[in-house]
Amino acid sequence: MATSTLSEKINTFLEALKQPSTIKALGTLAGAVGWYIEPAKAVEIIMAIQLFGALVNGFYDANPRKSIPVEKKITPEDVATMVRDEITRLRAEKMKK
């Protein structure tokens, strides 16, 4: 049996919270409990669950750099080459005018 770390468990939990079905189920459950306790508070509880779901979806990302592929680390030599190439391009463009 594979064991997982606490951070993996938290990430799994937060990923589950990002699912619309989970938010709907929590909202329904909280609304039912709120209705049983005090009917006037059911709407407030549902709104709080939906706000929590929006916050999880809006601010949580397990890997914020996953959408930015990095093929290789840029070195100072790469930057110097890019600058030289751009200067050469600009000079050639200026000569055409």
PDB file of N, CA and C in Angstrom:
ATOM      1  N   MET A   1       0.843  -1.176   0.000  1.00  0.00           N
ATOM      2  CA  MET A   1       0.000   0.000   0.000  1.00  0.00           C
ATOM      3  C   MET A   1       0.893   1.246   0.000  1.00  0.00           C
ATOM      4  N   ALA A   2       0.630   2.139  -0.899  1.00  0.00           N
ATOM      5  CA  ALA A   2       1.433   3.358  -1.003  1.00  0.00           C
ATOM      6  C   ALA A   2       0.946   4.388   0.014  1.00  0.00           C
ATOM      7  N   THR A   3       1.885   5.014   0.660  1.00  0.00           N
ATOM      8  CA  THR A   3       1.525   6.064   1.598  1.00  0.00           C
ATOM      9  C   THR A   3       1.733   7.413   0.915  1.00  0.00           C
ATOM     10  N   SER A   4       0.962   8.385   1.339  1.00  0.00           N
ATOM     11  CA  SER A   4       1.109   9.713   0.755  1.00  0.00           C
ATOM     12  C   SER A   4       1.379  10.714   1.869  1.00  0.00           C
ATOM     13  N   THR A   5       2.041  11.774   1.496  1.00  0.00           N
ATOM     14  CA  THR A   5       2.388  12.794   2.471  1.00  0.00           C
ATOM     15  C   THR A   5       1.171  13.667   2.761  1.00  0.00           C
ATOM     16  N   LEU A   6       1.304  14.478   3.782  1.00  0.00           N
ATOM     17  CA  LEU A   6       0.217  15.369   4.154  1.00  0.00           C
ATOM     18  C   LEU A   6      -0.072  16.363   3.035  1.00  0.00           C
ATOM     19  N   SER A   7       0.966  16.872   2.392  1.00  0.00           N
ATOM     20  CA  SER A   7       0.734  17.836   1.316  1.00  0.00           C
ATOM     21  C   SER A   7       0.005  17.182   0.142  1.00  0.00           C
ATOM     22  N   GLU A   8       0.309  15.915  -0.155  1.00  0.00           N
ATOM     23  CA  GLU A   8      -0.413  15.214  -1.214  1.00  0.00           C
ATOM     24  C   GLU A   8      -1.881  15.028  -0.850  1.00  0.00           C
ATOM     25  N   LYS A   9      -2.131  14.726   0.427  1.00  0.00           N
ATOM     26  CA  LYS A   9      -3.511  14.557   0.879  1.00  0.00           C
ATOM     27  C   LYS A   9      -4.268  15.881   0.806  1.00  0.00           C
ATOM     28  N   ILE A  10      -3.620  16.963   1.198  1.00  0.00           N
ATOM     29  CA  ILE A  10      -4.257  18.281   1.133  1.00  0.00           C
ATOM     30  C   ILE A  10      -4.532  18.653  -0.314  1.00  0.00           C
ATOM     31  N   ASN A  11      -3.560  18.395  -1.204  1.00  0.00           N
ATOM     32  CA  ASN A  11      -3.767  18.682  -2.626  1.00  0.00           C
ATOM     33  C   ASN A  11      -4.929  17.873  -3.194  1.00  0.00           C
ATOM     34  N   THR A  12      -5.025  16.606  -2.808  1.00  0.00           N
ATOM     35  CA  THR A  12      -6.131  15.762  -3.257  1.00  0.00           C
ATOM     36  C   THR A  12      -7.457  16.302  -2.743  1.00  0.00           C
ATOM     37  N   PHE A  13      -7.485  16.708  -1.486  1.00  0.00           N
ATOM     38  CA  PHE A  13      -8.696  17.277  -0.885  1.00  0.00           C
ATOM     39  C   PHE A  13      -9.103  18.558  -1.605  1.00  0.00           C
ATOM     40  N   LEU A  14      -8.133  19.437  -1.859  1.00  0.00           N
ATOM     41  CA  LEU A  14      -8.445  20.695  -2.533  1.00  0.00           C
ATOM     42  C   LEU A  14      -8.858  20.475  -3.985  1.00  0.00           C
ATOM     43  N   GLU A  15      -8.269  19.481  -4.639  1.00  0.00           N
ATOM     44  CA  GLU A  15      -8.689  19.154  -6.004  1.00  0.00           C
ATOM     45  C   GLU A  15     -10.135  18.661  -5.998  1.00  0.00           C
ATOM     46  N   ALA A  16     -10.505  17.875  -4.979  1.00  0.00           N
ATOM     47  CA  ALA A  16     -11.890  17.406  -4.877  1.00  0.00           C
ATOM     48  C   ALA A  16     -12.831  18.580  -4.639  1.00  0.00           C
ATOM     49  N   LEU A  17     -12.383  19.556  -3.849  1.00  0.00           N
ATOM     50  CA  LEU A  17     -13.214  20.734  -3.588  1.00  0.00           C
ATOM     51  C   LEU A  17     -13.421  21.590  -4.833  1.00  0.00           C
ATOM     52  N   LYS A  18     -12.531  21.460  -5.813  1.00  0.00           N
ATOM     53  CA  LYS A  18     -12.666  22.240  -7.040  1.00  0.00           C
ATOM     54  C   LYS A  18     -13.736  21.684  -7.972  1.00  0.00           C
ATOM     55  N   GLN A  19     -14.188  20.471  -7.695  1.00  0.00           N
ATOM     56  CA  GLN A  19     -15.199  19.854  -8.554  1.00  0.00           C
ATOM     57  C   GLN A  19     -16.570  20.474  -8.274  1.00  0.00           C
ATOM     58  N   PRO A  20     -17.295  20.852  -9.327  1.00  0.00           N
ATOM     59  CA  PRO A  20     -18.618  21.451  -9.119  1.00  0.00           C
ATOM     60  C   PRO A  20     -19.570  20.538  -8.360  1.00  0.00           C
ATOM     61  N   SER A  21     -19.475  19.232  -8.585  1.00  0.00           N
ATOM     62  CA  SER A  21     -20.376  18.308  -7.895  1.00  0.00           C
ATOM     63  C   SER A  21     -20.118  18.302  -6.388  1.00  0.00           C
ATOM     64  N   THR A  22     -18.850  18.451  -5.989  1.00  0.00           N
ATOM     65  CA  THR A  22     -18.525  18.489  -4.562  1.00  0.00           C
ATOM     66  C   THR A  22     -19.107  19.734  -3.917  1.00  0.00           C
ATOM     67  N   ILE A  23     -18.953  20.862  -4.587  1.00  0.00           N
ATOM     68  CA  ILE A  23     -19.496  22.120  -4.057  1.00  0.00           C
ATOM     69  C   ILE A  23     -21.019  22.042  -3.954  1.00  0.00           C
ATOM     70  N   LYS A  24     -21.671  21.473  -4.978  1.00  0.00           N
ATOM     71  CA  LYS A  24     -23.136  21.332  -4.945  1.00  0.00           C
ATOM     72  C   LYS A  24     -23.570  20.427  -3.789  1.00  0.00           C
ATOM     73  N   ALA A  25     -22.845  19.321  -3.611  1.00  0.00           N
ATOM     74  CA  ALA A  25     -23.196  18.392  -2.534  1.00  0.00           C
ATOM     75  C   ALA A  25     -22.997  19.041  -1.165  1.00  0.00           C
ATOM     76  N   LEU A  26     -21.870  19.746  -0.999  1.00  0.00           N
ATOM     77  CA  LEU A  26     -21.645  20.431   0.283  1.00  0.00           C
ATOM     78  C   LEU A  26     -22.692  21.514   0.519  1.00  0.00           C
ATOM     79  N   GLY A  27     -23.046  22.220  -0.520  1.00  0.00           N
ATOM     80  CA  GLY A  27     -24.074  23.260  -0.392  1.00  0.00           C
ATOM     81  C   GLY A  27     -25.421  22.678  -0.013  1.00  0.00           C
ATOM     82  N   THR A  28     -25.777  21.576  -0.646  1.00  0.00           N
ATOM     83  CA  THR A  28     -27.051  20.921  -0.339  1.00  0.00           C
ATOM     84  C   THR A  28     -27.063  20.400   1.089  1.00  0.00           C
ATOM     85  N   LEU A  29     -25.964  19.751   1.486  1.00  0.00           N
ATOM     86  CA  LEU A  29     -25.872  19.224   2.844  1.00  0.00           C
ATOM     87  C   LEU A  29     -25.923  20.344   3.880  1.00  0.00           C
ATOM     88  N   ALA A  30     -25.137  21.388   3.646  1.00  0.00           N
ATOM     89  CA  ALA A  30     -25.126  22.509   4.593  1.00  0.00           C
ATOM     90  C   ALA A  30     -26.479  23.206   4.638  1.00  0.00           C
ATOM     91  N   GLY A  31     -27.106  23.330   3.479  1.00  0.00           N
ATOM     92  CA  GLY A  31     -28.439  23.941   3.453  1.00  0.00           C
ATOM     93  C   GLY A  31     -29.458  23.110   4.222  1.00  0.00           C
ATOM     94  N   ALA A  32     -29.394  21.774   4.074  1.00  0.00           N
ATOM     95  CA  ALA A  32     -30.316  20.890   4.792  1.00  0.00           C
ATOM     96  C   ALA A  32     -30.087  20.978   6.296  1.00  0.00           C
ATOM     97  N   VAL A  33     -28.819  20.980   6.698  1.00  0.00           N
ATOM     98  CA  VAL A  33     -28.505  21.098   8.128  1.00  0.00           C
ATOM     99  C   VAL A  33     -28.946  22.465   8.647  1.00  0.00           C
ATOM    100  N   GLY A  34     -28.661  23.501   7.870  1.00  0.00           N
ATOM    101  CA  GLY A  34     -29.074  24.843   8.281  1.00  0.00           C
ATOM    102  C   GLY A  34     -30.587  24.985   8.370  1.00  0.00           C
ATOM    103  N   TRP A  35     -31.293  24.343   7.444  1.00  0.00           N
ATOM    104  CA  TRP A  35     -32.760  24.397   7.465  1.00  0.00           C
ATOM    105  C   TRP A  35     -33.290  23.703   8.716  1.00  0.00           C
ATOM    106  N   TYR A  36     -32.669  22.588   9.078  1.00  0.00           N
ATOM    107  CA  TYR A  36     -33.086  21.850  10.268  1.00  0.00           C
ATOM    108  C   TYR A  36     -32.820  22.683  11.528  1.00  0.00           C
ATOM    109  N   ILE A  37     -31.679  23.354  11.597  1.00  0.00           N
ATOM    110  CA  ILE A  37     -31.324  24.132  12.775  1.00  0.00           C
ATOM    111  C   ILE A  37     -32.121  25.430  12.832  1.00  0.00           C
ATOM    112  N   GLU A  38     -32.074  26.197  11.749  1.00  0.00           N
ATOM    113  CA  GLU A  38     -32.800  27.468  11.698  1.00  0.00           C
ATOM    114  C   GLU A  38     -33.085  27.792  10.233  1.00  0.00           C
ATOM    115  N   PRO A  39     -34.344  27.687   9.834  1.00  0.00           N
ATOM    116  CA  PRO A  39     -34.693  27.865   8.425  1.00  0.00           C
ATOM    117  C   PRO A  39     -34.231  29.204   7.823  1.00  0.00           C
ATOM    118  N   ALA A  40     -34.147  30.241   8.593  1.00  0.00           N
ATOM    119  CA  ALA A  40     -33.751  31.549   8.060  1.00  0.00           C
ATOM    120  C   ALA A  40     -32.279  31.590   7.663  1.00  0.00           C
ATOM    121  N   LYS A  41     -31.475  30.688   8.200  1.00  0.00           N
ATOM    122  CA  LYS A  41     -30.029  30.691   7.931  1.00  0.00           C
ATOM    123  C   LYS A  41     -29.627  29.796   6.755  1.00  0.00           C
ATOM    124  N   ALA A  42     -30.546  29.033   6.174  1.00  0.00           N
ATOM    125  CA  ALA A  42     -30.195  28.090   5.106  1.00  0.00           C
ATOM    126  C   ALA A  42     -29.574  28.789   3.904  1.00  0.00           C
ATOM    127  N   VAL A  43     -30.141  29.897   3.481  1.00  0.00           N
ATOM    128  CA  VAL A  43     -29.623  30.626   2.318  1.00  0.00           C
ATOM    129  C   VAL A  43     -28.226  31.164   2.619  1.00  0.00           C
ATOM    130  N   GLU A  44     -28.010  31.670   3.824  1.00  0.00           N
ATOM    131  CA  GLU A  44     -26.691  32.183   4.198  1.00  0.00           C
ATOM    132  C   GLU A  44     -25.639  31.072   4.191  1.00  0.00           C
ATOM    133  N   ILE A  45     -26.016  29.889   4.653  1.00  0.00           N
ATOM    134  CA  ILE A  45     -25.080  28.767   4.660  1.00  0.00           C
ATOM    135  C   ILE A  45     -24.746  28.355   3.228  1.00  0.00           C
ATOM    136  N   ILE A  46     -25.734  28.276   2.359  1.00  0.00           N
ATOM    137  CA  ILE A  46     -25.485  27.908   0.965  1.00  0.00           C
ATOM    138  C   ILE A  46     -24.583  28.945   0.303  1.00  0.00           C
ATOM    139  N   MET A  47     -24.839  30.217   0.572  1.00  0.00           N
ATOM    140  CA  MET A  47     -23.995  31.271  -0.003  1.00  0.00           C
ATOM    141  C   MET A  47     -22.560  31.155   0.507  1.00  0.00           C
ATOM    142  N   ALA A  48     -22.384  30.823   1.774  1.00  0.00           N
ATOM    143  CA  ALA A  48     -21.035  30.671   2.330  1.00  0.00           C
ATOM    144  C   ALA A  48     -20.305  29.503   1.677  1.00  0.00           C
ATOM    145  N   ILE A  49     -20.992  28.391   1.452  1.00  0.00           N
ATOM    146  CA  ILE A  49     -20.376  27.244   0.784  1.00  0.00           C
ATOM    147  C   ILE A  49     -19.989  27.607  -0.646  1.00  0.00           C
ATOM    148  N   GLN A  50     -20.851  28.326  -1.347  1.00  0.00           N
ATOM    149  CA  GLN A  50     -20.536  28.711  -2.726  1.00  0.00           C
ATOM    150  C   GLN A  50     -19.373  29.701  -2.763  1.00  0.00           C
ATOM    151  N   LEU A  51     -19.300  30.602  -1.802  1.00  0.00           N
ATOM    152  CA  LEU A  51     -18.181  31.532  -1.724  1.00  0.00           C
ATOM    153  C   LEU A  51     -16.886  30.774  -1.446  1.00  0.00           C
ATOM    154  N   PHE A  52     -16.941  29.799  -0.554  1.00  0.00           N
ATOM    155  CA  PHE A  52     -15.770  28.974  -0.275  1.00  0.00           C
ATOM    156  C   PHE A  52     -15.308  28.242  -1.533  1.00  0.00           C
ATOM    157  N   GLY A  53     -16.248  27.685  -2.278  1.00  0.00           N
ATOM    158  CA  GLY A  53     -15.908  27.008  -3.525  1.00  0.00           C
ATOM    159  C   GLY A  53     -15.268  27.956  -4.531  1.00  0.00           C
ATOM    160  N   ALA A  54     -15.788  29.161  -4.621  1.00  0.00           N
ATOM    161  CA  ALA A  54     -15.211  30.147  -5.537  1.00  0.00           C
ATOM    162  C   ALA A  54     -13.794  30.520  -5.110  1.00  0.00           C
ATOM    163  N   LEU A  55     -13.575  30.654  -3.817  1.00  0.00           N
ATOM    164  CA  LEU A  55     -12.231  30.971  -3.331  1.00  0.00           C
ATOM    165  C   LEU A  55     -11.249  29.845  -3.616  1.00  0.00           C
ATOM    166  N   VAL A  56     -11.675  28.611  -3.416  1.00  0.00           N
ATOM    167  CA  VAL A  56     -10.801  27.471  -3.701  1.00  0.00           C
ATOM    168  C   VAL A  56     -10.457  27.453  -5.184  1.00  0.00           C
ATOM    169  N   ASN A  57     -11.462  27.625  -6.039  1.00  0.00           N
ATOM    170  CA  ASN A  57     -11.223  27.607  -7.486  1.00  0.00           C
ATOM    171  C   ASN A  57     -10.382  28.787  -7.937  1.00  0.00           C
ATOM    172  N   GLY A  58     -10.554  29.925  -7.307  1.00  0.00           N
ATOM    173  CA  GLY A  58      -9.856  31.123  -7.743  1.00  0.00           C
ATOM    174  C   GLY A  58      -8.419  31.237  -7.272  1.00  0.00           C
ATOM    175  N   PHE A  59      -8.135  30.758  -6.082  1.00  0.00           N
ATOM    176  CA  PHE A  59      -6.825  31.000  -5.501  1.00  0.00           C
ATOM    177  C   PHE A  59      -5.938  29.779  -5.346  1.00  0.00           C
ATOM    178  N   TYR A  60      -6.490  28.588  -5.409  1.00  0.00           N
ATOM    179  CA  TYR A  60      -5.681  27.397  -5.199  1.00  0.00           C
ATOM    180  C   TYR A  60      -5.197  26.843  -6.528  1.00  0.00           C
ATOM    181  N   ASP A  61      -3.927  26.550  -6.606  1.00  0.00           N
ATOM    182  CA  ASP A  61      -3.348  25.864  -7.761  1.00  0.00           C
ATOM    183  C   ASP A  61      -2.162  25.057  -7.248  1.00  0.00           C
ATOM    184  N   ALA A  62      -2.216  23.753  -7.406  1.00  0.00           N
ATOM    185  CA  ALA A  62      -1.164  22.891  -6.870  1.00  0.00           C
ATOM    186  C   ALA A  62       0.179  23.155  -7.526  1.00  0.00           C
ATOM    187  N   ASN A  63       0.152  23.536  -8.793  1.00  0.00           N
ATOM    188  CA  ASN A  63       1.390  23.800  -9.521  1.00  0.00           C
ATOM    189  C   ASN A  63       1.191  25.039 -10.384  1.00  0.00           C
ATOM    190  N   PRO A  64       1.465  26.221  -9.847  1.00  0.00           N
ATOM    191  CA  PRO A  64       1.175  27.437 -10.603  1.00  0.00           C
ATOM    192  C   PRO A  64       1.986  27.589 -11.880  1.00  0.00           C
ATOM    193  N   ARG A  65       3.092  26.869 -12.044  1.00  0.00           N
ATOM    194  CA  ARG A  65       3.909  27.003 -13.247  1.00  0.00           C
ATOM    195  C   ARG A  65       3.612  25.911 -14.279  1.00  0.00           C
ATOM    196  N   LYS A  66       2.588  25.095 -14.041  1.00  0.00           N
ATOM    197  CA  LYS A  66       2.340  23.992 -14.957  1.00  0.00           C
ATOM    198  C   LYS A  66       1.914  24.455 -16.342  1.00  0.00           C
ATOM    199  N   SER A  67       1.364  25.655 -16.466  1.00  0.00           N
ATOM    200  CA  SER A  67       0.930  26.127 -17.770  1.00  0.00           C
ATOM    201  C   SER A  67       2.037  26.863 -18.514  1.00  0.00           C
ATOM    202  N   ILE A  68       3.200  27.021 -17.904  1.00  0.00           N
ATOM    203  CA  ILE A  68       4.321  27.709 -18.540  1.00  0.00           C
ATOM    204  C   ILE A  68       5.424  26.683 -18.783  1.00  0.00           C
ATOM    205  N   PRO A  69       5.462  26.110 -19.989  1.00  0.00           N
ATOM    206  CA  PRO A  69       6.505  25.114 -20.234  1.00  0.00           C
ATOM    207  C   PRO A  69       7.877  25.778 -20.321  1.00  0.00           C
ATOM    208  N   VAL A  70       8.827  25.194 -19.632  1.00  0.00           N
ATOM    209  CA  VAL A  70      10.194  25.708 -19.662  1.00  0.00           C
ATOM    210  C   VAL A  70      11.068  24.609 -20.262  1.00  0.00           C
ATOM    211  N   GLU A  71      11.565  24.885 -21.458  1.00  0.00           N
ATOM    212  CA  GLU A  71      12.367  23.867 -22.131  1.00  0.00           C
ATOM    213  C   GLU A  71      13.779  23.801 -21.560  1.00  0.00           C
ATOM    214  N   LYS A  72      14.371  24.973 -21.323  1.00  0.00           N
ATOM    215  CA  LYS A  72      15.710  24.993 -20.735  1.00  0.00           C
ATOM    216  C   LYS A  72      15.899  26.313 -20.002  1.00  0.00           C
ATOM    217  N   LYS A  73      16.831  26.321 -19.123  1.00  0.00           N
ATOM    218  CA  LYS A  73      17.118  27.522 -18.362  1.00  0.00           C
ATOM    219  C   LYS A  73      17.888  28.496 -19.251  1.00  0.00           C
ATOM    220  N   ILE A  74      17.471  29.758 -19.241  1.00  0.00           N
ATOM    221  CA  ILE A  74      18.134  30.774 -20.059  1.00  0.00           C
ATOM    222  C   ILE A  74      19.398  31.230 -19.345  1.00  0.00           C
ATOM    223  N   THR A  75      20.493  31.208 -20.073  1.00  0.00           N
ATOM    224  CA  THR A  75      21.785  31.604 -19.512  1.00  0.00           C
ATOM    225  C   THR A  75      22.114  33.032 -19.941  1.00  0.00           C
ATOM    226  N   PRO A  76      23.080  33.671 -19.287  1.00  0.00           N
ATOM    227  CA  PRO A  76      23.505  35.008 -19.711  1.00  0.00           C
ATOM    228  C   PRO A  76      24.001  35.031 -21.156  1.00  0.00           C
ATOM    229  N   GLU A  77      24.599  33.946 -21.599  1.00  0.00           N
ATOM    230  CA  GLU A  77      25.060  33.870 -22.984  1.00  0.00           C
ATOM    231  C   GLU A  77      23.885  33.906 -23.951  1.00  0.00           C
ATOM    232  N   ASP A  78      22.794  33.234 -23.576  1.00  0.00           N
ATOM    233  CA  ASP A  78      21.587  33.256 -24.415  1.00  0.00           C
ATOM    234  C   ASP A  78      21.026  34.672 -24.516  1.00  0.00           C
ATOM    235  N   VAL A  79      21.016  35.365 -23.400  1.00  0.00           N
ATOM    236  CA  VAL A  79      20.517  36.745 -23.395  1.00  0.00           C
ATOM    237  C   VAL A  79      21.406  37.625 -24.269  1.00  0.00           C
ATOM    238  N   ALA A  80      22.723  37.477 -24.146  1.00  0.00           N
ATOM    239  CA  ALA A  80      23.652  38.264 -24.962  1.00  0.00           C
ATOM    240  C   ALA A  80      23.436  37.991 -26.451  1.00  0.00           C
ATOM    241  N   THR A  81      23.222  36.745 -26.804  1.00  0.00           N
ATOM    242  CA  THR A  81      22.967  36.388 -28.204  1.00  0.00           C
ATOM    243  C   THR A  81      21.669  37.012 -28.698  1.00  0.00           C
ATOM    244  N   MET A  82      20.621  36.959 -27.862  1.00  0.00           N
ATOM    245  CA  MET A  82      19.343  37.565 -28.258  1.00  0.00           C
ATOM    246  C   MET A  82      19.487  39.067 -28.459  1.00  0.00           C
ATOM    247  N   VAL A  83      20.223  39.729 -27.570  1.00  0.00           N
ATOM    248  CA  VAL A  83      20.428  41.175 -27.679  1.00  0.00           C
ATOM    249  C   VAL A  83      21.220  41.485 -28.954  1.00  0.00           C
ATOM    250  N   ARG A  84      22.301  40.734 -29.195  1.00  0.00           N
ATOM    251  CA  ARG A  84      23.100  40.945 -30.414  1.00  0.00           C
ATOM    252  C   ARG A  84      22.256  40.762 -31.675  1.00  0.00           C
ATOM    253  N   ASP A  85      21.445  39.730 -31.701  1.00  0.00           N
ATOM    254  CA  ASP A  85      20.588  39.477 -32.856  1.00  0.00           C
ATOM    255  C   ASP A  85      19.580  40.610 -33.070  1.00  0.00           C
ATOM    256  N   GLU A  86      19.036  41.105 -31.985  1.00  0.00           N
ATOM    257  CA  GLU A  86      18.066  42.205 -32.094  1.00  0.00           C
ATOM    258  C   GLU A  86      18.746  43.476 -32.569  1.00  0.00           C
ATOM    259  N   ILE A  87      19.941  43.768 -32.073  1.00  0.00           N
ATOM    260  CA  ILE A  87      20.679  44.957 -32.519  1.00  0.00           C
ATOM    261  C   ILE A  87      21.006  44.832 -34.007  1.00  0.00           C
ATOM    262  N   THR A  88      21.431  43.665 -34.429  1.00  0.00           N
ATOM    263  CA  THR A  88      21.736  43.438 -35.841  1.00  0.00           C
ATOM    264  C   THR A  88      20.486  43.636 -36.694  1.00  0.00           C
ATOM    265  N   ARG A  89      19.357  43.125 -36.238  1.00  0.00           N
ATOM    266  CA  ARG A  89      18.103  43.281 -36.970  1.00  0.00           C
ATOM    267  C   ARG A  89      17.712  44.740 -37.078  1.00  0.00           C
ATOM    268  N   LEU A  90      17.831  45.478 -35.967  1.00  0.00           N
ATOM    269  CA  LEU A  90      17.479  46.904 -35.977  1.00  0.00           C
ATOM    270  C   LEU A  90      18.398  47.706 -36.898  1.00  0.00           C
ATOM    271  N   ARG A  91      19.687  47.392 -36.891  1.00  0.00           N
ATOM    272  CA  ARG A  91      20.639  48.094 -37.771  1.00  0.00           C
ATOM    273  C   ARG A  91      20.314  47.831 -39.240  1.00  0.00           C
ATOM    274  N   ALA A  92      20.009  46.582 -39.547  1.00  0.00           N
ATOM    275  CA  ALA A  92      19.661  46.228 -40.931  1.00  0.00           C
ATOM    276  C   ALA A  92      18.370  46.938 -41.357  1.00  0.00           C
ATOM    277  N   GLU A  93      17.439  47.035 -40.455  1.00  0.00           N
ATOM    278  CA  GLU A  93      16.191  47.724 -40.736  1.00  0.00           C
ATOM    279  C   GLU A  93      16.432  49.222 -40.967  1.00  0.00           C
ATOM    280  N   LYS A  94      17.323  49.785 -40.167  1.00  0.00           N
ATOM    281  CA  LYS A  94      17.633  51.211 -40.296  1.00  0.00           C
ATOM    282  C   LYS A  94      18.356  51.497 -41.613  1.00  0.00           C
ATOM    283  N   MET A  95      19.207  50.571 -42.048  1.00  0.00           N
ATOM    284  CA  MET A  95      19.948  50.746 -43.307  1.00  0.00           C
ATOM    285  C   MET A  95      19.011  50.727 -44.520  1.00  0.00           C
ATOM    286  N   LYS A  96      17.921  49.983 -44.429  1.00  0.00           N
ATOM    287  CA  LYS A  96      16.968  49.911 -45.532  1.00  0.00           C
ATOM    288  C   LYS A  96      16.261  51.238 -45.763  1.00  0.00           C
ATOM    289  N   LYS A  97      16.150  52.048 -44.730  1.00  0.00           N
ATOM    290  CA  LYS A  97      15.420  53.323 -44.844  1.00  0.00           C
ATOM    291  C   LYS A  97      16.233  54.365 -45.469  1.00  0.00           C
TER     292      LYS A  97
END
